[in-house]
């Protein structure tokens, strides 16, 4: 359970909160603010990815091995940085002791560097189509998560089943090297990502209704961080599917 300590108060995203919002207008404004921050963050990440991707592509074309190697090392470091920040950001938010802006900006930069290979490996037409489909799928899942009245407790076992099933099948497929089985695993993982997106939007709605997000940049950034991660996870999967279908034509 997430907590947020401010003036010795405890933040519980599933409680209504002493200062909880009850009117739809207040909830809508805060949710719009979160999605707007997520959109701006997505643009910033895409800009970093595009710039680094162009530099990498140019280095590969002209044979500048030093620049290419430097960027490859930066990507490895970014992967490690993302892993660390995925733990650091929630911890900093739960403690509420300092701003997460530096960690949040670092996360966007690291993610952009890591995604830069997308601009090298895929055509812009494939990337653009994948982004458009991702926006639609993300919007549908976000809407379903927002309007859902249940607690999602019932789908918990299903998600766990898909996760452990995917892990088990992945281990088996190391030996089988079956392409059909690889696609089954991929779709199972994709289903988990979609369910998690629904759950995250519902969780953010609870956080807003708790009342603690009011005048609190950390919680707003944290919610944006959650949505951005979900969007990128969906995009990576859809990009793979679109690229595969494009090659089949």
C-alpha atoms as a PDB file:
ATOM      1  CA  UNK A   1       0.000   0.000   0.000  1.00  0.00           C
ATOM      2  CA  UNK A   2       1.322   3.419  -0.955  1.00  0.00           C
ATOM      3  CA  UNK A   3       1.707   6.052   1.703  1.00  0.00           C
ATOM      4  CA  UNK A   4       2.407   9.718   1.622  1.00  0.00           C
ATOM      5  CA  UNK A   5       3.646  11.503   4.724  1.00  0.00           C
ATOM      6  CA  UNK A   6       3.066  15.205   4.935  1.00  0.00           C
ATOM      7  CA  UNK A   7       2.730  16.861   8.330  1.00  0.00           C
ATOM      8  CA  UNK A   8       2.597  13.384   9.863  1.00  0.00           C
ATOM      9  CA  UNK A   9      -0.350  12.402   7.677  1.00  0.00           C
ATOM     10  CA  UNK A  10      -0.563   9.062   5.880  1.00  0.00           C
ATOM     11  CA  UNK A  11      -1.636   8.881   2.264  1.00  0.00           C
ATOM     12  CA  UNK A  12      -3.813   5.922   1.321  1.00  0.00           C
ATOM     13  CA  UNK A  13      -4.858   5.941  -2.360  1.00  0.00           C
ATOM     14  CA  UNK A  14      -7.878   3.766  -1.587  1.00  0.00           C
ATOM     15  CA  UNK A  15      -9.392   5.916   1.131  1.00  0.00           C
ATOM     16  CA  UNK A  16     -11.621   8.908   0.525  1.00  0.00           C
ATOM     17  CA  UNK A  17      -9.328  11.057   2.661  1.00  0.00           C
ATOM     18  CA  UNK A  18     -10.186  13.763   5.137  1.00  0.00           C
ATOM     19  CA  UNK A  19      -9.948  16.305   2.355  1.00  0.00           C
ATOM     20  CA  UNK A  20     -11.404  14.012  -0.315  1.00  0.00           C
ATOM     21  CA  UNK A  21     -12.952  15.450  -3.449  1.00  0.00           C
ATOM     22  CA  UNK A  22     -16.557  14.552  -3.962  1.00  0.00           C
ATOM     23  CA  UNK A  23     -17.496  16.714  -6.934  1.00  0.00           C
ATOM     24  CA  UNK A  24     -16.857  15.582 -10.484  1.00  0.00           C
ATOM     25  CA  UNK A  25     -15.471  18.971 -11.528  1.00  0.00           C
ATOM     26  CA  UNK A  26     -12.539  18.870  -9.092  1.00  0.00           C
ATOM     27  CA  UNK A  27     -11.775  15.282  -9.986  1.00  0.00           C
ATOM     28  CA  UNK A  28     -11.909  16.092 -13.699  1.00  0.00           C
ATOM     29  CA  UNK A  29      -9.538  19.047 -13.389  1.00  0.00           C
ATOM     30  CA  UNK A  30      -6.905  17.050 -11.519  1.00  0.00           C
ATOM     31  CA  UNK A  31      -7.214  14.084 -13.870  1.00  0.00           C
ATOM     32  CA  UNK A  32      -6.834  16.429 -16.847  1.00  0.00           C
ATOM     33  CA  UNK A  33      -3.732  17.905 -15.231  1.00  0.00           C
ATOM     34  CA  UNK A  34      -2.228  14.424 -14.818  1.00  0.00           C
ATOM     35  CA  UNK A  35      -2.928  13.428 -18.417  1.00  0.00           C
ATOM     36  CA  UNK A  36      -1.597  16.767 -19.690  1.00  0.00           C
ATOM     37  CA  UNK A  37       1.653  16.256 -17.784  1.00  0.00           C
ATOM     38  CA  UNK A  38       1.843  12.720 -19.136  1.00  0.00           C
ATOM     39  CA  UNK A  39       1.376  14.041 -22.705  1.00  0.00           C
ATOM     40  CA  UNK A  40       4.064  16.722 -22.274  1.00  0.00           C
ATOM     41  CA  UNK A  41       6.395  14.119 -20.782  1.00  0.00           C
ATOM     42  CA  UNK A  42       5.716  11.814 -23.720  1.00  0.00           C
ATOM     43  CA  UNK A  43       6.627  14.588 -26.167  1.00  0.00           C
ATOM     44  CA  UNK A  44       9.849  15.294 -24.245  1.00  0.00           C
ATOM     45  CA  UNK A  45      10.753  11.599 -24.262  1.00  0.00           C
ATOM     46  CA  UNK A  46      10.021  11.346 -27.989  1.00  0.00           C
ATOM     47  CA  UNK A  47      12.168  14.429 -28.687  1.00  0.00           C
ATOM     48  CA  UNK A  48      15.140  12.941 -26.813  1.00  0.00           C
ATOM     49  CA  UNK A  49      14.640   9.615 -28.585  1.00  0.00           C
ATOM     50  CA  UNK A  50      14.500  11.284 -32.008  1.00  0.00           C
ATOM     51  CA  UNK A  51      17.616  13.413 -31.465  1.00  0.00           C
ATOM     52  CA  UNK A  52      19.695  10.547 -30.083  1.00  0.00           C
ATOM     53  CA  UNK A  53      18.336   8.207 -32.757  1.00  0.00           C
ATOM     54  CA  UNK A  54      19.360  10.568 -35.571  1.00  0.00           C
ATOM     55  CA  UNK A  55      22.840  10.968 -34.094  1.00  0.00           C
ATOM     56  CA  UNK A  56      23.188   7.202 -33.771  1.00  0.00           C
ATOM     57  CA  UNK A  57      21.936   6.574 -37.315  1.00  0.00           C
ATOM     58  CA  UNK A  58      24.349   9.145 -38.714  1.00  0.00           C
ATOM     59  CA  UNK A  59      27.238   7.650 -36.736  1.00  0.00           C
ATOM     60  CA  UNK A  60      26.452   4.211 -38.133  1.00  0.00           C
ATOM     61  CA  UNK A  61      26.201   5.530 -41.700  1.00  0.00           C
ATOM     62  CA  UNK A  62      29.516   7.415 -41.667  1.00  0.00           C
ATOM     63  CA  UNK A  63      31.216   4.715 -39.642  1.00  0.00           C
ATOM     64  CA  UNK A  64      31.961   6.846 -36.575  1.00  0.00           C
ATOM     65  CA  UNK A  65      32.591   3.985 -34.187  1.00  0.00           C
ATOM     66  CA  UNK A  66      33.480   6.199 -31.209  1.00  0.00           C
ATOM     67  CA  UNK A  67      30.143   8.033 -31.264  1.00  0.00           C
ATOM     68  CA  UNK A  68      28.202   4.836 -31.892  1.00  0.00           C
ATOM     69  CA  UNK A  69      29.976   3.033 -29.058  1.00  0.00           C
ATOM     70  CA  UNK A  70      29.457   6.005 -26.728  1.00  0.00           C
ATOM     71  CA  UNK A  71      25.724   5.977 -27.449  1.00  0.00           C
ATOM     72  CA  UNK A  72      25.532   2.228 -26.932  1.00  0.00           C
ATOM     73  CA  UNK A  73      27.161   2.634 -23.524  1.00  0.00           C
ATOM     74  CA  UNK A  74      24.725   5.472 -22.768  1.00  0.00           C
ATOM     75  CA  UNK A  75      21.825   3.156 -23.608  1.00  0.00           C
ATOM     76  CA  UNK A  76      23.092   0.486 -21.243  1.00  0.00           C
ATOM     77  CA  UNK A  77      23.510   3.118 -18.530  1.00  0.00           C
ATOM     78  CA  UNK A  78      20.019   4.440 -19.264  1.00  0.00           C
ATOM     79  CA  UNK A  79      18.551   0.963 -18.855  1.00  0.00           C
ATOM     80  CA  UNK A  80      20.193   0.655 -15.460  1.00  0.00           C
ATOM     81  CA  UNK A  81      19.091   4.179 -14.580  1.00  0.00           C
ATOM     82  CA  UNK A  82      15.464   3.407 -15.466  1.00  0.00           C
ATOM     83  CA  UNK A  83      15.523   0.318 -13.298  1.00  0.00           C
ATOM     84  CA  UNK A  84      16.873   2.293 -10.343  1.00  0.00           C
ATOM     85  CA  UNK A  85      14.466   5.206 -10.823  1.00  0.00           C
ATOM     86  CA  UNK A  86      11.468   2.870 -11.039  1.00  0.00           C
ATOM     87  CA  UNK A  87      12.154   2.137  -7.364  1.00  0.00           C
ATOM     88  CA  UNK A  88      13.468   5.571  -6.335  1.00  0.00           C
ATOM     89  CA  UNK A  89      10.476   7.604  -7.566  1.00  0.00           C
ATOM     90  CA  UNK A  90       7.772   5.654  -5.647  1.00  0.00           C
ATOM     91  CA  UNK A  91       9.956   5.660  -2.507  1.00  0.00           C
ATOM     92  CA  UNK A  92      10.507   9.414  -2.679  1.00  0.00           C
ATOM     93  CA  UNK A  93       6.781   9.977  -3.206  1.00  0.00           C
ATOM     94  CA  UNK A  94       5.817   7.747  -0.277  1.00  0.00           C
ATOM     95  CA  UNK A  95       8.203   9.572   2.045  1.00  0.00           C
ATOM     96  CA  UNK A  96       7.195  13.000   0.768  1.00  0.00           C
ATOM     97  CA  UNK A  97      10.455  14.538   1.919  1.00  0.00           C
ATOM     98  CA  UNK A  98      11.705  16.153  -1.305  1.00  0.00           C
ATOM     99  CA  UNK A  99      10.669  16.965  -4.843  1.00  0.00           C
ATOM    100  CA  UNK A 100      10.851  14.181  -7.417  1.00  0.00           C
ATOM    101  CA  UNK A 101      11.327  16.624 -10.309  1.00  0.00           C
ATOM    102  CA  UNK A 102      15.063  15.777 -10.757  1.00  0.00           C
ATOM    103  CA  UNK A 103      14.348  12.035 -10.723  1.00  0.00           C
ATOM    104  CA  UNK A 104      11.354  12.500 -13.028  1.00  0.00           C
ATOM    105  CA  UNK A 105      13.348  14.498 -15.604  1.00  0.00           C
ATOM    106  CA  UNK A 106      16.171  11.941 -15.438  1.00  0.00           C
ATOM    107  CA  UNK A 107      13.604   9.204 -16.082  1.00  0.00           C
ATOM    108  CA  UNK A 108      12.367  10.988 -19.221  1.00  0.00           C
ATOM    109  CA  UNK A 109      15.914  11.438 -20.535  1.00  0.00           C
ATOM    110  CA  UNK A 110      16.904   7.834 -19.830  1.00  0.00           C
ATOM    111  CA  UNK A 111      13.725   6.545 -21.441  1.00  0.00           C
ATOM    112  CA  UNK A 112      14.312   8.734 -24.498  1.00  0.00           C
ATOM    113  CA  UNK A 113      17.875   7.466 -24.894  1.00  0.00           C
ATOM    114  CA  UNK A 114      16.739   3.868 -24.585  1.00  0.00           C
ATOM    115  CA  UNK A 115      13.947   4.360 -27.131  1.00  0.00           C
ATOM    116  CA  UNK A 116      16.265   6.059 -29.634  1.00  0.00           C
ATOM    117  CA  UNK A 117      16.894   2.718 -31.333  1.00  0.00           C
ATOM    118  CA  UNK A 118      13.282   2.797 -32.493  1.00  0.00           C
ATOM    119  CA  UNK A 119      14.163   5.561 -34.978  1.00  0.00           C
ATOM    120  CA  UNK A 120      17.062   3.481 -36.273  1.00  0.00           C
ATOM    121  CA  UNK A 121      15.309   0.128 -36.531  1.00  0.00           C
ATOM    122  CA  UNK A 122      11.904   1.173 -37.905  1.00  0.00           C
ATOM    123  CA  UNK A 123      10.519   3.413 -40.644  1.00  0.00           C
ATOM    124  CA  UNK A 124       8.718   6.566 -39.595  1.00  0.00           C
ATOM    125  CA  UNK A 125       5.526   5.280 -41.204  1.00  0.00           C
ATOM    126  CA  UNK A 126       5.587   2.223 -38.934  1.00  0.00           C
ATOM    127  CA  UNK A 127       6.400   4.344 -35.885  1.00  0.00           C
ATOM    128  CA  UNK A 128       3.628   6.849 -36.661  1.00  0.00           C
ATOM    129  CA  UNK A 129       1.026   4.130 -37.240  1.00  0.00           C
ATOM    130  CA  UNK A 130       2.069   2.331 -34.070  1.00  0.00           C
ATOM    131  CA  UNK A 131       1.848   5.554 -32.068  1.00  0.00           C
ATOM    132  CA  UNK A 132      -1.651   6.257 -33.380  1.00  0.00           C
ATOM    133  CA  UNK A 133      -2.869   2.751 -32.551  1.00  0.00           C
ATOM    134  CA  UNK A 134      -1.239   2.972 -29.124  1.00  0.00           C
ATOM    135  CA  UNK A 135      -3.028   6.252 -28.404  1.00  0.00           C
ATOM    136  CA  UNK A 136      -6.345   4.628 -29.275  1.00  0.00           C
ATOM    137  CA  UNK A 137      -5.739   1.467 -27.241  1.00  0.00           C
ATOM    138  CA  UNK A 138      -4.419   3.451 -24.279  1.00  0.00           C
ATOM    139  CA  UNK A 139      -7.439   5.750 -24.420  1.00  0.00           C
ATOM    140  CA  UNK A 140      -9.856   2.801 -24.406  1.00  0.00           C
ATOM    141  CA  UNK A 141      -8.137   1.098 -21.464  1.00  0.00           C
ATOM    142  CA  UNK A 142      -7.924   4.374 -19.542  1.00  0.00           C
ATOM    143  CA  UNK A 143     -11.642   4.963 -20.096  1.00  0.00           C
ATOM    144  CA  UNK A 144     -12.512   1.440 -18.947  1.00  0.00           C
ATOM    145  CA  UNK A 145     -10.365   1.868 -15.866  1.00  0.00           C
ATOM    146  CA  UNK A 146     -11.950   5.223 -15.065  1.00  0.00           C
ATOM    147  CA  UNK A 147     -15.586   4.121 -15.393  1.00  0.00           C
ATOM    148  CA  UNK A 148     -15.060   0.751 -13.701  1.00  0.00           C
ATOM    149  CA  UNK A 149     -16.995   0.433 -10.456  1.00  0.00           C
ATOM    150  CA  UNK A 150     -15.330  -2.748  -9.234  1.00  0.00           C
ATOM    151  CA  UNK A 151     -12.118  -3.126  -7.245  1.00  0.00           C
ATOM    152  CA  UNK A 152     -10.403  -5.319  -9.888  1.00  0.00           C
ATOM    153  CA  UNK A 153      -9.843  -7.940  -7.179  1.00  0.00           C
ATOM    154  CA  UNK A 154     -11.454 -10.530  -9.428  1.00  0.00           C
ATOM    155  CA  UNK A 155      -8.964 -10.097 -12.263  1.00  0.00           C
ATOM    156  CA  UNK A 156      -5.975 -10.294  -9.920  1.00  0.00           C
ATOM    157  CA  UNK A 157      -5.703 -14.095 -10.220  1.00  0.00           C
ATOM    158  CA  UNK A 158      -6.092 -13.784 -13.992  1.00  0.00           C
ATOM    159  CA  UNK A 159      -3.221 -11.300 -14.219  1.00  0.00           C
ATOM    160  CA  UNK A 160      -1.020 -13.444 -11.983  1.00  0.00           C
ATOM    161  CA  UNK A 161      -1.925 -16.485 -14.052  1.00  0.00           C
ATOM    162  CA  UNK A 162      -0.931 -14.704 -17.254  1.00  0.00           C
ATOM    163  CA  UNK A 163       2.337 -13.499 -15.720  1.00  0.00           C
ATOM    164  CA  UNK A 164       3.422 -16.858 -14.326  1.00  0.00           C
ATOM    165  CA  UNK A 165       2.132 -18.652 -17.403  1.00  0.00           C
ATOM    166  CA  UNK A 166       4.163 -16.356 -19.643  1.00  0.00           C
ATOM    167  CA  UNK A 167       7.279 -16.932 -17.554  1.00  0.00           C
ATOM    168  CA  UNK A 168       6.793 -20.691 -17.642  1.00  0.00           C
ATOM    169  CA  UNK A 169       6.160 -20.776 -21.392  1.00  0.00           C
ATOM    170  CA  UNK A 170       9.160 -18.511 -21.997  1.00  0.00           C
ATOM    171  CA  UNK A 171      11.395 -20.974 -20.167  1.00  0.00           C
ATOM    172  CA  UNK A 172       9.958 -23.852 -22.178  1.00  0.00           C
ATOM    173  CA  UNK A 173      10.387 -21.942 -25.441  1.00  0.00           C
ATOM    174  CA  UNK A 174      14.093 -21.489 -24.758  1.00  0.00           C
ATOM    175  CA  UNK A 175      14.400 -25.134 -25.764  1.00  0.00           C
ATOM    176  CA  UNK A 176      11.534 -25.376 -28.263  1.00  0.00           C
ATOM    177  CA  UNK A 177      12.296 -22.143 -30.148  1.00  0.00           C
ATOM    178  CA  UNK A 178       8.694 -22.132 -31.398  1.00  0.00           C
ATOM    179  CA  UNK A 179       7.536 -18.965 -33.157  1.00  0.00           C
ATOM    180  CA  UNK A 180       3.802 -19.644 -32.586  1.00  0.00           C
ATOM    181  CA  UNK A 181       4.473 -20.171 -28.884  1.00  0.00           C
ATOM    182  CA  UNK A 182       6.518 -16.971 -28.825  1.00  0.00           C
ATOM    183  CA  UNK A 183       3.494 -15.084 -30.163  1.00  0.00           C
ATOM    184  CA  UNK A 184       1.218 -16.667 -27.553  1.00  0.00           C
ATOM    185  CA  UNK A 185       3.614 -15.450 -24.859  1.00  0.00           C
ATOM    186  CA  UNK A 186       3.749 -11.995 -26.435  1.00  0.00           C
ATOM    187  CA  UNK A 187      -0.047 -11.659 -26.521  1.00  0.00           C
ATOM    188  CA  UNK A 188      -0.313 -12.884 -22.926  1.00  0.00           C
ATOM    189  CA  UNK A 189       2.177 -10.231 -21.814  1.00  0.00           C
ATOM    190  CA  UNK A 190       0.292  -7.624 -23.854  1.00  0.00           C
ATOM    191  CA  UNK A 191      -2.947  -8.587 -22.083  1.00  0.00           C
ATOM    192  CA  UNK A 192      -1.221  -8.128 -18.722  1.00  0.00           C
ATOM    193  CA  UNK A 193      -0.040  -4.656 -19.780  1.00  0.00           C
ATOM    194  CA  UNK A 194      -3.590  -3.677 -20.785  1.00  0.00           C
ATOM    195  CA  UNK A 195      -5.066  -4.912 -17.501  1.00  0.00           C
ATOM    196  CA  UNK A 196      -2.372  -3.035 -15.562  1.00  0.00           C
ATOM    197  CA  UNK A 197      -3.186   0.159 -17.488  1.00  0.00           C
ATOM    198  CA  UNK A 198      -6.842  -0.137 -16.482  1.00  0.00           C
ATOM    199  CA  UNK A 199      -5.855  -0.777 -12.880  1.00  0.00           C
ATOM    200  CA  UNK A 200      -3.426   2.172 -12.828  1.00  0.00           C
ATOM    201  CA  UNK A 201      -6.050   4.627 -14.089  1.00  0.00           C
ATOM    202  CA  UNK A 202      -8.475   3.425 -11.433  1.00  0.00           C
ATOM    203  CA  UNK A 203      -5.722   3.747  -8.813  1.00  0.00           C
ATOM    204  CA  UNK A 204      -4.993   7.308  -9.958  1.00  0.00           C
ATOM    205  CA  UNK A 205      -8.689   8.113  -9.643  1.00  0.00           C
ATOM    206  CA  UNK A 206      -8.533   6.890  -6.027  1.00  0.00           C
ATOM    207  CA  UNK A 207      -5.443   9.011  -5.394  1.00  0.00           C
ATOM    208  CA  UNK A 208      -7.252  12.083  -6.707  1.00  0.00           C
ATOM    209  CA  UNK A 209     -10.316  11.355  -4.605  1.00  0.00           C
ATOM    210  CA  UNK A 210      -8.139  10.980  -1.508  1.00  0.00           C
ATOM    211  CA  UNK A 211      -7.630  14.749  -1.601  1.00  0.00           C
ATOM    212  CA  UNK A 212      -3.868  14.610  -1.100  1.00  0.00           C
ATOM    213  CA  UNK A 213      -2.987  15.570  -4.668  1.00  0.00           C
ATOM    214  CA  UNK A 214      -4.206  19.123  -4.147  1.00  0.00           C
ATOM    215  CA  UNK A 215      -1.165  21.435  -4.453  1.00  0.00           C
ATOM    216  CA  UNK A 216       1.112  18.397  -4.424  1.00  0.00           C
ATOM    217  CA  UNK A 217       3.461  18.194  -7.411  1.00  0.00           C
ATOM    218  CA  UNK A 218       4.999  14.913  -6.289  1.00  0.00           C
ATOM    219  CA  UNK A 219       1.753  12.952  -6.489  1.00  0.00           C
ATOM    220  CA  UNK A 220       0.834  14.592  -9.777  1.00  0.00           C
ATOM    221  CA  UNK A 221       4.235  13.683 -11.264  1.00  0.00           C
ATOM    222  CA  UNK A 222       4.005  10.180  -9.819  1.00  0.00           C
ATOM    223  CA  UNK A 223       0.653   9.605 -11.518  1.00  0.00           C
ATOM    224  CA  UNK A 224       2.064  10.977 -14.767  1.00  0.00           C
ATOM    225  CA  UNK A 225       5.035   8.630 -14.372  1.00  0.00           C
ATOM    226  CA  UNK A 226       2.672   5.660 -14.025  1.00  0.00           C
ATOM    227  CA  UNK A 227       0.644   6.562 -17.127  1.00  0.00           C
ATOM    228  CA  UNK A 228       3.736   7.332 -19.208  1.00  0.00           C
ATOM    229  CA  UNK A 229       5.224   3.936 -18.371  1.00  0.00           C
ATOM    230  CA  UNK A 230       1.964   2.197 -19.304  1.00  0.00           C
ATOM    231  CA  UNK A 231       1.761   4.083 -22.620  1.00  0.00           C
ATOM    232  CA  UNK A 232       5.331   3.219 -23.582  1.00  0.00           C
ATOM    233  CA  UNK A 233       4.836  -0.448 -22.657  1.00  0.00           C
ATOM    234  CA  UNK A 234       1.796  -0.607 -24.935  1.00  0.00           C
ATOM    235  CA  UNK A 235       3.633   1.262 -27.708  1.00  0.00           C
ATOM    236  CA  UNK A 236       6.595  -1.132 -27.696  1.00  0.00           C
ATOM    237  CA  UNK A 237       4.288  -4.131 -28.081  1.00  0.00           C
ATOM    238  CA  UNK A 238       2.158  -2.583 -30.809  1.00  0.00           C
ATOM    239  CA  UNK A 239       5.273  -1.400 -32.654  1.00  0.00           C
ATOM    240  CA  UNK A 240       6.450  -4.991 -32.830  1.00  0.00           C
ATOM    241  CA  UNK A 241       3.105  -6.196 -34.175  1.00  0.00           C
ATOM    242  CA  UNK A 242       2.819  -3.422 -36.770  1.00  0.00           C
ATOM    243  CA  UNK A 243       6.398  -3.961 -37.956  1.00  0.00           C
ATOM    244  CA  UNK A 244       5.773  -7.698 -38.304  1.00  0.00           C
ATOM    245  CA  UNK A 245       2.601  -7.163 -40.356  1.00  0.00           C
ATOM    246  CA  UNK A 246       4.375  -4.565 -42.517  1.00  0.00           C
ATOM    247  CA  UNK A 247       7.124  -7.049 -43.363  1.00  0.00           C
ATOM    248  CA  UNK A 248       4.508  -9.678 -44.250  1.00  0.00           C
ATOM    249  CA  UNK A 249       2.975  -7.467 -46.954  1.00  0.00           C
END
